[in-house]
Amino acid sequence: MDGDIIEPTFPSLFHGDLWSGNVMPDGQGSPMLIEPAVYMGHHEADAIPVLWRSEEF
């Protein structure tokens, strides 16, 4: 019966697209990385964009 129980999943922290626009200077001119599209979701959700770009999909 233990094999029939599905273990609970816990949300994972994700980020949006990282590109050169995510780098901005701070007050002293040093580069800072910003990420305005952070979200929580299912741990397998981050694999979906990789599959979309796959030739096999």
PDB file of N, CA and C in Angstrom:
ATOM      1  N   MET A   1       0.815  -1.196   0.000  1.00  0.00           N
ATOM      2  CA  MET A   1       0.000   0.000   0.000  1.00  0.00           C
ATOM      3  C   MET A   1       0.858   1.258   0.000  1.00  0.00           C
ATOM      4  N   ASP A   2       2.073   1.174   0.535  1.00  0.00           N
ATOM      5  CA  ASP A   2       2.922   2.369   0.558  1.00  0.00           C
ATOM      6  C   ASP A   2       3.243   2.880  -0.835  1.00  0.00           C
ATOM      7  N   GLY A   3       3.289   1.983  -1.833  1.00  0.00           N
ATOM      8  CA  GLY A   3       3.585   2.396  -3.195  1.00  0.00           C
ATOM      9  C   GLY A   3       2.461   3.179  -3.842  1.00  0.00           C
ATOM     10  N   ASP A   4       1.264   3.136  -3.256  1.00  0.00           N
ATOM     11  CA  ASP A   4       0.111   3.838  -3.818  1.00  0.00           C
ATOM     12  C   ASP A   4      -0.006   5.273  -3.323  1.00  0.00           C
ATOM     13  N   ILE A   5       0.782   5.634  -2.346  1.00  0.00           N
ATOM     14  CA  ILE A   5       0.694   6.973  -1.777  1.00  0.00           C
ATOM     15  C   ILE A   5       1.623   7.902  -2.543  1.00  0.00           C
ATOM     16  N   ILE A   6       1.069   8.987  -3.028  1.00  0.00           N
ATOM     17  CA  ILE A   6       1.865   9.991  -3.752  1.00  0.00           C
ATOM     18  C   ILE A   6       2.390  10.998  -2.750  1.00  0.00           C
ATOM     19  N   GLU A   7       3.686  11.212  -2.768  1.00  0.00           N
ATOM     20  CA  GLU A   7       4.273  12.169  -1.835  1.00  0.00           C
ATOM     21  C   GLU A   7       3.877  13.585  -2.237  1.00  0.00           C
ATOM     22  N   PRO A   8       3.652  14.443  -1.261  1.00  0.00           N
ATOM     23  CA  PRO A   8       3.268  15.827  -1.582  1.00  0.00           C
ATOM     24  C   PRO A   8       4.429  16.569  -2.239  1.00  0.00           C
ATOM     25  N   THR A   9       4.093  17.492  -3.110  1.00  0.00           N
ATOM     26  CA  THR A   9       5.111  18.337  -3.719  1.00  0.00           C
ATOM     27  C   THR A   9       5.074  19.698  -3.037  1.00  0.00           C
ATOM     28  N   PHE A  10       6.191  20.349  -3.025  1.00  0.00           N
ATOM     29  CA  PHE A  10       6.293  21.662  -2.402  1.00  0.00           C
ATOM     30  C   PHE A  10       6.651  22.677  -3.473  1.00  0.00           C
ATOM     31  N   PRO A  11       6.148  23.893  -3.362  1.00  0.00           N
ATOM     32  CA  PRO A  11       6.419  24.889  -4.399  1.00  0.00           C
ATOM     33  C   PRO A  11       7.914  25.230  -4.490  1.00  0.00           C
ATOM     34  N   SER A  12       8.327  25.572  -5.697  1.00  0.00           N
ATOM     35  CA  SER A  12       9.704  25.980  -5.949  1.00  0.00           C
ATOM     36  C   SER A  12       9.716  27.449  -6.367  1.00  0.00           C
ATOM     37  N   LEU A  13      10.831  28.103  -6.144  1.00  0.00           N
ATOM     38  CA  LEU A  13      11.000  29.504  -6.535  1.00  0.00           C
ATOM     39  C   LEU A  13      11.553  29.552  -7.951  1.00  0.00           C
ATOM     40  N   PHE A  14      10.885  30.277  -8.854  1.00  0.00           N
ATOM     41  CA  PHE A  14      11.289  30.390 -10.252  1.00  0.00           C
ATOM     42  C   PHE A  14      11.583  31.837 -10.602  1.00  0.00           C
ATOM     43  N   HIS A  15      12.254  32.016 -11.718  1.00  0.00           N
ATOM     44  CA  HIS A  15      12.521  33.361 -12.233  1.00  0.00           C
ATOM     45  C   HIS A  15      12.065  33.430 -13.678  1.00  0.00           C
ATOM     46  N   GLY A  16      11.901  34.643 -14.176  1.00  0.00           N
ATOM     47  CA  GLY A  16      11.511  34.833 -15.569  1.00  0.00           C
ATOM     48  C   GLY A  16      12.725  34.756 -16.478  1.00  0.00           C
ATOM     49  N   ASP A  17      12.592  35.312 -17.648  1.00  0.00           N
ATOM     50  CA  ASP A  17      13.671  35.314 -18.624  1.00  0.00           C
ATOM     51  C   ASP A  17      14.819  36.202 -18.159  1.00  0.00           C
ATOM     52  N   LEU A  18      16.023  35.662 -18.117  1.00  0.00           N
ATOM     53  CA  LEU A  18      17.192  36.482 -17.802  1.00  0.00           C
ATOM     54  C   LEU A  18      17.809  36.953 -19.112  1.00  0.00           C
ATOM     55  N   TRP A  19      17.997  38.252 -19.260  1.00  0.00           N
ATOM     56  CA  TRP A  19      18.594  38.827 -20.449  1.00  0.00           C
ATOM     57  C   TRP A  19      19.364  40.077 -20.049  1.00  0.00           C
ATOM     58  N   SER A  20      19.998  40.748 -20.975  1.00  0.00           N
ATOM     59  CA  SER A  20      20.847  41.901 -20.645  1.00  0.00           C
ATOM     60  C   SER A  20      20.064  43.042 -20.001  1.00  0.00           C
ATOM     61  N   GLY A  21      18.763  43.119 -20.238  1.00  0.00           N
ATOM     62  CA  GLY A  21      17.938  44.148 -19.620  1.00  0.00           C
ATOM     63  C   GLY A  21      17.749  43.955 -18.120  1.00  0.00           C
ATOM     64  N   ASN A  22      18.167  42.814 -17.577  1.00  0.00           N
ATOM     65  CA  ASN A  22      18.064  42.560 -16.149  1.00  0.00           C
ATOM     66  C   ASN A  22      19.255  43.119 -15.377  1.00  0.00           C
ATOM     67  N   VAL A  23      20.180  43.768 -16.058  1.00  0.00           N
ATOM     68  CA  VAL A  23      21.347  44.353 -15.394  1.00  0.00           C
ATOM     69  C   VAL A  23      21.204  45.871 -15.424  1.00  0.00           C
ATOM     70  N   MET A  24      21.277  46.481 -14.233  1.00  0.00           N
ATOM     71  CA  MET A  24      21.172  47.935 -14.125  1.00  0.00           C
ATOM     72  C   MET A  24      22.243  48.429 -13.166  1.00  0.00           C
ATOM     73  N   PRO A  25      22.711  49.662 -13.329  1.00  0.00           N
ATOM     74  CA  PRO A  25      23.708  50.186 -12.395  1.00  0.00           C
ATOM     75  C   PRO A  25      23.066  50.641 -11.087  1.00  0.00           C
ATOM     76  N   ASP A  26      23.799  50.470  -9.986  1.00  0.00           N
ATOM     77  CA  ASP A  26      23.321  51.006  -8.717  1.00  0.00           C
ATOM     78  C   ASP A  26      23.778  52.470  -8.613  1.00  0.00           C
ATOM     79  N   GLY A  27      23.620  53.072  -7.467  1.00  0.00           N
ATOM     80  CA  GLY A  27      23.975  54.480  -7.266  1.00  0.00           C
ATOM     81  C   GLY A  27      25.442  54.790  -7.495  1.00  0.00           C
ATOM     82  N   GLN A  28      26.325  53.821  -7.319  1.00  0.00           N
ATOM     83  CA  GLN A  28      27.760  54.016  -7.529  1.00  0.00           C
ATOM     84  C   GLN A  28      28.212  53.546  -8.913  1.00  0.00           C
ATOM     85  N   GLY A  29      27.291  53.076  -9.745  1.00  0.00           N
ATOM     86  CA  GLY A  29      27.629  52.624 -11.084  1.00  0.00           C
ATOM     87  C   GLY A  29      27.980  51.145 -11.185  1.00  0.00           C
ATOM     88  N   SER A  30      27.927  50.423 -10.071  1.00  0.00           N
ATOM     89  CA  SER A  30      28.211  48.986 -10.102  1.00  0.00           C
ATOM     90  C   SER A  30      27.010  48.234 -10.664  1.00  0.00           C
ATOM     91  N   PRO A  31      27.238  47.154 -11.434  1.00  0.00           N
ATOM     92  CA  PRO A  31      26.104  46.424 -12.008  1.00  0.00           C
ATOM     93  C   PRO A  31      25.307  45.668 -10.943  1.00  0.00           C
ATOM     94  N   MET A  32      24.001  45.664 -11.117  1.00  0.00           N
ATOM     95  CA  MET A  32      23.093  44.923 -10.238  1.00  0.00           C
ATOM     96  C   MET A  32      22.180  44.072 -11.102  1.00  0.00           C
ATOM     97  N   LEU A  33      21.896  42.865 -10.660  1.00  0.00           N
ATOM     98  CA  LEU A  33      20.972  41.977 -11.357  1.00  0.00           C
ATOM     99  C   LEU A  33      19.590  42.148 -10.743  1.00  0.00           C
ATOM    100  N   ILE A  34      18.601  42.450 -11.566  1.00  0.00           N
ATOM    101  CA  ILE A  34      17.222  42.575 -11.084  1.00  0.00           C
ATOM    102  C   ILE A  34      16.393  41.463 -11.714  1.00  0.00           C
ATOM    103  N   GLU A  35      15.365  41.039 -11.034  1.00  0.00           N
ATOM    104  CA  GLU A  35      14.477  39.998 -11.561  1.00  0.00           C
ATOM    105  C   GLU A  35      13.051  40.301 -11.127  1.00  0.00           C
ATOM    106  N   PRO A  36      12.292  41.007 -11.978  1.00  0.00           N
ATOM    107  CA  PRO A  36      10.938  41.390 -11.592  1.00  0.00           C
ATOM    108  C   PRO A  36       9.900  40.278 -11.730  1.00  0.00           C
ATOM    109  N   ALA A  37      10.259  39.139 -12.305  1.00  0.00           N
ATOM    110  CA  ALA A  37       9.275  38.090 -12.575  1.00  0.00           C
ATOM    111  C   ALA A  37       9.514  36.839 -11.738  1.00  0.00           C
ATOM    112  N   VAL A  38       9.755  36.989 -10.450  1.00  0.00           N
ATOM    113  CA  VAL A  38       9.955  35.846  -9.568  1.00  0.00           C
ATOM    114  C   VAL A  38       8.583  35.317  -9.152  1.00  0.00           C
ATOM    115  N   TYR A  39       8.432  33.990  -9.156  1.00  0.00           N
ATOM    116  CA  TYR A  39       7.161  33.407  -8.752  1.00  0.00           C
ATOM    117  C   TYR A  39       7.377  32.019  -8.156  1.00  0.00           C
ATOM    118  N   MET A  40       6.379  31.518  -7.463  1.00  0.00           N
ATOM    119  CA  MET A  40       6.406  30.176  -6.885  1.00  0.00           C
ATOM    120  C   MET A  40       5.537  29.275  -7.757  1.00  0.00           C
ATOM    121  N   GLY A  41       5.970  28.017  -7.928  1.00  0.00           N
ATOM    122  CA  GLY A  41       5.186  27.108  -8.739  1.00  0.00           C
ATOM    123  C   GLY A  41       5.605  25.660  -8.537  1.00  0.00           C
ATOM    124  N   HIS A  42       4.981  24.763  -9.303  1.00  0.00           N
ATOM    125  CA  HIS A  42       5.284  23.341  -9.252  1.00  0.00           C
ATOM    126  C   HIS A  42       6.708  23.125  -9.746  1.00  0.00           C
ATOM    127  N   HIS A  43       7.440  22.216  -9.119  1.00  0.00           N
ATOM    128  CA  HIS A  43       8.857  22.028  -9.439  1.00  0.00           C
ATOM    129  C   HIS A  43       9.100  21.578 -10.875  1.00  0.00           C
ATOM    130  N   GLU A  44       8.110  21.008 -11.554  1.00  0.00           N
ATOM    131  CA  GLU A  44       8.292  20.579 -12.936  1.00  0.00           C
ATOM    132  C   GLU A  44       7.940  21.674 -13.944  1.00  0.00           C
ATOM    133  N   ALA A  45       7.386  22.780 -13.488  1.00  0.00           N
ATOM    134  CA  ALA A  45       6.978  23.845 -14.407  1.00  0.00           C
ATOM    135  C   ALA A  45       8.172  24.473 -15.110  1.00  0.00           C
ATOM    136  N   ASP A  46       9.328  24.489 -14.481  1.00  0.00           N
ATOM    137  CA  ASP A  46      10.500  25.117 -15.091  1.00  0.00           C
ATOM    138  C   ASP A  46      11.026  24.313 -16.270  1.00  0.00           C
ATOM    139  N   ALA A  47      10.657  23.049 -16.392  1.00  0.00           N
ATOM    140  CA  ALA A  47      11.115  22.210 -17.498  1.00  0.00           C
ATOM    141  C   ALA A  47      10.299  22.447 -18.769  1.00  0.00           C
ATOM    142  N   ILE A  48       9.131  23.020 -18.662  1.00  0.00           N
ATOM    143  CA  ILE A  48       8.264  23.197 -19.825  1.00  0.00           C
ATOM    144  C   ILE A  48       8.897  24.071 -20.906  1.00  0.00           C
ATOM    145  N   PRO A  49       9.452  25.249 -20.600  1.00  0.00           N
ATOM    146  CA  PRO A  49      10.077  26.042 -21.669  1.00  0.00           C
ATOM    147  C   PRO A  49      11.217  25.303 -22.370  1.00  0.00           C
ATOM    148  N   VAL A  50      11.929  24.452 -21.679  1.00  0.00           N
ATOM    149  CA  VAL A  50      13.001  23.675 -22.297  1.00  0.00           C
ATOM    150  C   VAL A  50      12.401  22.707 -23.315  1.00  0.00           C
ATOM    151  N   LEU A  51      11.282  22.085 -22.971  1.00  0.00           N
ATOM    152  CA  LEU A  51      10.625  21.161 -23.892  1.00  0.00           C
ATOM    153  C   LEU A  51      10.084  21.885 -25.123  1.00  0.00           C
ATOM    154  N   TRP A  52       9.613  23.120 -24.948  1.00  0.00           N
ATOM    155  CA  TRP A  52       9.085  23.881 -26.080  1.00  0.00           C
ATOM    156  C   TRP A  52      10.173  24.124 -27.127  1.00  0.00           C
ATOM    157  N   ARG A  53      11.415  24.271 -26.680  1.00  0.00           N
ATOM    158  CA  ARG A  53      12.521  24.558 -27.593  1.00  0.00           C
ATOM    159  C   ARG A  53      13.154  23.276 -28.153  1.00  0.00           C
ATOM    160  N   SER A  54      12.730  22.138 -27.646  1.00  0.00           N
ATOM    161  CA  SER A  54      13.292  20.868 -28.066  1.00  0.00           C
ATOM    162  C   SER A  54      12.785  20.493 -29.464  1.00  0.00           C
ATOM    163  N   GLU A  55      13.662  19.927 -30.268  1.00  0.00           N
ATOM    164  CA  GLU A  55      13.264  19.487 -31.608  1.00  0.00           C
ATOM    165  C   GLU A  55      12.360  18.254 -31.532  1.00  0.00           C
ATOM    166  N   GLU A  56      12.427  17.511 -30.440  1.00  0.00           N
ATOM    167  CA  GLU A  56      11.642  16.295 -30.293  1.00  0.00           C
ATOM    168  C   GLU A  56      10.220  16.573 -29.863  1.00  0.00           C
ATOM    169  N   PHE A  57       9.941  17.738 -29.321  1.00  0.00           N
ATOM    170  CA  PHE A  57       8.626  18.044 -28.783  1.00  0.00           C
ATOM    171  C   PHE A  57       7.642  18.338 -29.893  1.00  0.00           C
TER     172      PHE A  57
END
